[in-house]
Amino acid sequence: MQLFSPSTFDGKLTSASGDWQAPAEPNGNSFDLEVAQAYDDRDFGKATRTIMAFADKVNAYFDSKKPWDLAKDPENKAHLHQVVSRCMLAFWRISPCF
């Protein structure tokens, strides 16, 4: 089973993928608001650090779930789909949308 093949999951994310929560910042703002405010303030260093901190959390989640091991057992297909969907959604959130 290929992890990221569009045919693996019919090219769709799971419905459970949307429950990925953005890490809250100490001041109570969510990731999205923190990045937007940094860009508005032209504080690109802060925006980059915030984005990278979020990416690090997603990478840690991905590593802890070990989707490469999940893919070895067909019984784990639903869980694998959830893990891959959550990570794809999380990285979509840090992608520029112009």
C-alpha atoms as a PDB file:
ATOM      1  CA  MET A   1       0.000   0.000   0.000  1.00  0.00           C
ATOM      2  CA  GLN A   2       1.375   3.393  -0.936  1.00  0.00           C
ATOM      3  CA  LEU A   3       0.894   6.050   1.713  1.00  0.00           C
ATOM      4  CA  PHE A   4       0.119   9.036  -0.472  1.00  0.00           C
ATOM      5  CA  SER A   5      -1.230   7.487  -3.628  1.00  0.00           C
ATOM      6  CA  PRO A   6      -4.471   9.227  -4.655  1.00  0.00           C
ATOM      7  CA  SER A   7      -5.942   5.817  -5.433  1.00  0.00           C
ATOM      8  CA  THR A   8      -5.262   4.512  -1.909  1.00  0.00           C
ATOM      9  CA  PHE A   9      -8.133   6.468  -0.378  1.00  0.00           C
ATOM     10  CA  ASP A  10      -9.983   7.377  -3.572  1.00  0.00           C
ATOM     11  CA  GLY A  11      -8.216  10.741  -3.454  1.00  0.00           C
ATOM     12  CA  LYS A  12     -10.247  11.867  -0.424  1.00  0.00           C
ATOM     13  CA  LEU A  13      -9.481  12.957   3.124  1.00  0.00           C
ATOM     14  CA  THR A  14     -11.397  11.449   6.013  1.00  0.00           C
ATOM     15  CA  SER A  15     -14.233  13.390   7.622  1.00  0.00           C
ATOM     16  CA  ALA A  16     -12.334  13.089  10.910  1.00  0.00           C
ATOM     17  CA  SER A  17      -9.421  15.023   9.422  1.00  0.00           C
ATOM     18  CA  GLY A  18     -11.056  18.335  10.255  1.00  0.00           C
ATOM     19  CA  ASP A  19     -10.655  17.898  13.993  1.00  0.00           C
ATOM     20  CA  TRP A  20      -6.947  18.766  13.907  1.00  0.00           C
ATOM     21  CA  GLN A  21      -6.705  21.540  16.446  1.00  0.00           C
ATOM     22  CA  ALA A  22      -4.328  24.413  15.960  1.00  0.00           C
ATOM     23  CA  PRO A  23      -1.981  24.747  18.892  1.00  0.00           C
ATOM     24  CA  ALA A  24      -2.971  27.698  21.022  1.00  0.00           C
ATOM     25  CA  GLU A  25      -0.395  30.342  21.728  1.00  0.00           C
ATOM     26  CA  PRO A  26       0.184  31.481  25.320  1.00  0.00           C
ATOM     27  CA  ASN A  27      -1.806  34.665  24.694  1.00  0.00           C
ATOM     28  CA  GLY A  28      -4.836  32.615  23.634  1.00  0.00           C
ATOM     29  CA  ASN A  29      -4.652  33.300  19.879  1.00  0.00           C
ATOM     30  CA  SER A  30      -4.813  30.387  17.519  1.00  0.00           C
ATOM     31  CA  PHE A  31      -2.095  29.577  15.012  1.00  0.00           C
ATOM     32  CA  ASP A  32      -4.016  31.188  12.143  1.00  0.00           C
ATOM     33  CA  LEU A  33      -4.597  34.462  13.976  1.00  0.00           C
ATOM     34  CA  GLU A  34      -1.019  34.587  15.217  1.00  0.00           C
ATOM     35  CA  VAL A  35       0.388  34.202  11.710  1.00  0.00           C
ATOM     36  CA  ALA A  36      -2.083  36.676  10.218  1.00  0.00           C
ATOM     37  CA  GLN A  37      -1.235  39.264  12.860  1.00  0.00           C
ATOM     38  CA  ALA A  38       2.485  38.800  12.292  1.00  0.00           C
ATOM     39  CA  TYR A  39       2.026  39.348   8.549  1.00  0.00           C
ATOM     40  CA  ASP A  40      -0.172  42.393   9.186  1.00  0.00           C
ATOM     41  CA  ASP A  41       2.538  43.776  11.458  1.00  0.00           C
ATOM     42  CA  ARG A  42       5.128  42.981   8.784  1.00  0.00           C
ATOM     43  CA  ASP A  43       6.916  40.822  11.355  1.00  0.00           C
ATOM     44  CA  PHE A  44       7.929  38.128   8.902  1.00  0.00           C
ATOM     45  CA  GLY A  45      10.398  36.548  11.309  1.00  0.00           C
ATOM     46  CA  LYS A  46       7.633  35.944  13.836  1.00  0.00           C
ATOM     47  CA  ALA A  47       5.341  34.596  11.129  1.00  0.00           C
ATOM     48  CA  THR A  48       8.053  32.190  10.005  1.00  0.00           C
ATOM     49  CA  ARG A  49       8.817  31.038  13.562  1.00  0.00           C
ATOM     50  CA  THR A  50       5.108  30.457  14.265  1.00  0.00           C
ATOM     51  CA  ILE A  51       4.660  28.489  11.061  1.00  0.00           C
ATOM     52  CA  MET A  52       7.769  26.409  11.732  1.00  0.00           C
ATOM     53  CA  ALA A  53       6.661  25.652  15.304  1.00  0.00           C
ATOM     54  CA  PHE A  54       3.338  24.382  13.944  1.00  0.00           C
ATOM     55  CA  ALA A  55       5.144  22.326  11.272  1.00  0.00           C
ATOM     56  CA  ASP A  56       7.342  20.813  13.992  1.00  0.00           C
ATOM     57  CA  LYS A  57       4.238  19.733  15.936  1.00  0.00           C
ATOM     58  CA  VAL A  58       2.736  18.164  12.822  1.00  0.00           C
ATOM     59  CA  ASN A  59       6.002  16.373  12.088  1.00  0.00           C
ATOM     60  CA  ALA A  60       6.111  15.045  15.661  1.00  0.00           C
ATOM     61  CA  TYR A  61       2.514  13.792  15.312  1.00  0.00           C
ATOM     62  CA  PHE A  62       3.342  12.124  11.979  1.00  0.00           C
ATOM     63  CA  ASP A  63       6.437  10.484  13.434  1.00  0.00           C
ATOM     64  CA  SER A  64       4.577   9.255  16.526  1.00  0.00           C
ATOM     65  CA  LYS A  65       1.831   7.629  14.440  1.00  0.00           C
ATOM     66  CA  LYS A  66       4.327   5.864  12.132  1.00  0.00           C
ATOM     67  CA  PRO A  67       2.091   5.667   9.060  1.00  0.00           C
ATOM     68  CA  TRP A  68       4.757   3.631   7.243  1.00  0.00           C
ATOM     69  CA  ASP A  69       4.128   0.874   9.799  1.00  0.00           C
ATOM     70  CA  LEU A  70       0.344   1.313   9.673  1.00  0.00           C
ATOM     71  CA  ALA A  71       0.466   0.827   5.904  1.00  0.00           C
ATOM     72  CA  LYS A  72       1.910  -2.670   6.317  1.00  0.00           C
ATOM     73  CA  ASP A  73      -1.317  -4.064   7.812  1.00  0.00           C
ATOM     74  CA  PRO A  74      -4.576  -3.740   5.841  1.00  0.00           C
ATOM     75  CA  GLU A  75      -6.484  -3.792   9.166  1.00  0.00           C
ATOM     76  CA  ASN A  76      -5.051  -0.331   9.878  1.00  0.00           C
ATOM     77  CA  LYS A  77      -6.329   1.260   6.677  1.00  0.00           C
ATOM     78  CA  ALA A  78      -8.928   3.469   8.433  1.00  0.00           C
ATOM     79  CA  HIS A  79      -6.427   4.664  11.033  1.00  0.00           C
ATOM     80  CA  LEU A  80      -3.804   5.259   8.342  1.00  0.00           C
ATOM     81  CA  HIS A  81      -6.336   7.292   6.377  1.00  0.00           C
ATOM     82  CA  GLN A  82      -7.057   9.416   9.443  1.00  0.00           C
ATOM     83  CA  VAL A  83      -3.369  10.036  10.197  1.00  0.00           C
ATOM     84  CA  VAL A  84      -2.487  10.910   6.603  1.00  0.00           C
ATOM     85  CA  SER A  85      -5.580  13.118   6.250  1.00  0.00           C
ATOM     86  CA  ARG A  86      -4.808  15.050   9.421  1.00  0.00           C
ATOM     87  CA  CYS A  87      -1.241  15.684   8.359  1.00  0.00           C
ATOM     88  CA  MET A  88      -2.243  16.771   4.875  1.00  0.00           C
ATOM     89  CA  LEU A  89      -4.823  19.143   6.310  1.00  0.00           C
ATOM     90  CA  ALA A  90      -2.330  20.551   8.793  1.00  0.00           C
ATOM     91  CA  PHE A  91       0.253  21.225   6.101  1.00  0.00           C
ATOM     92  CA  TRP A  92      -2.427  22.727   3.869  1.00  0.00           C
ATOM     93  CA  ARG A  93      -3.002  25.232   6.688  1.00  0.00           C
ATOM     94  CA  ILE A  94       0.581  26.451   6.496  1.00  0.00           C
ATOM     95  CA  SER A  95       0.614  26.671   2.696  1.00  0.00           C
ATOM     96  CA  PRO A  96       0.245  30.138   1.199  1.00  0.00           C
ATOM     97  CA  CYS A  97      -3.190  30.685  -0.303  1.00  0.00           C
ATOM     98  CA  PHE A  98      -2.886  33.448  -2.861  1.00  0.00           C
END
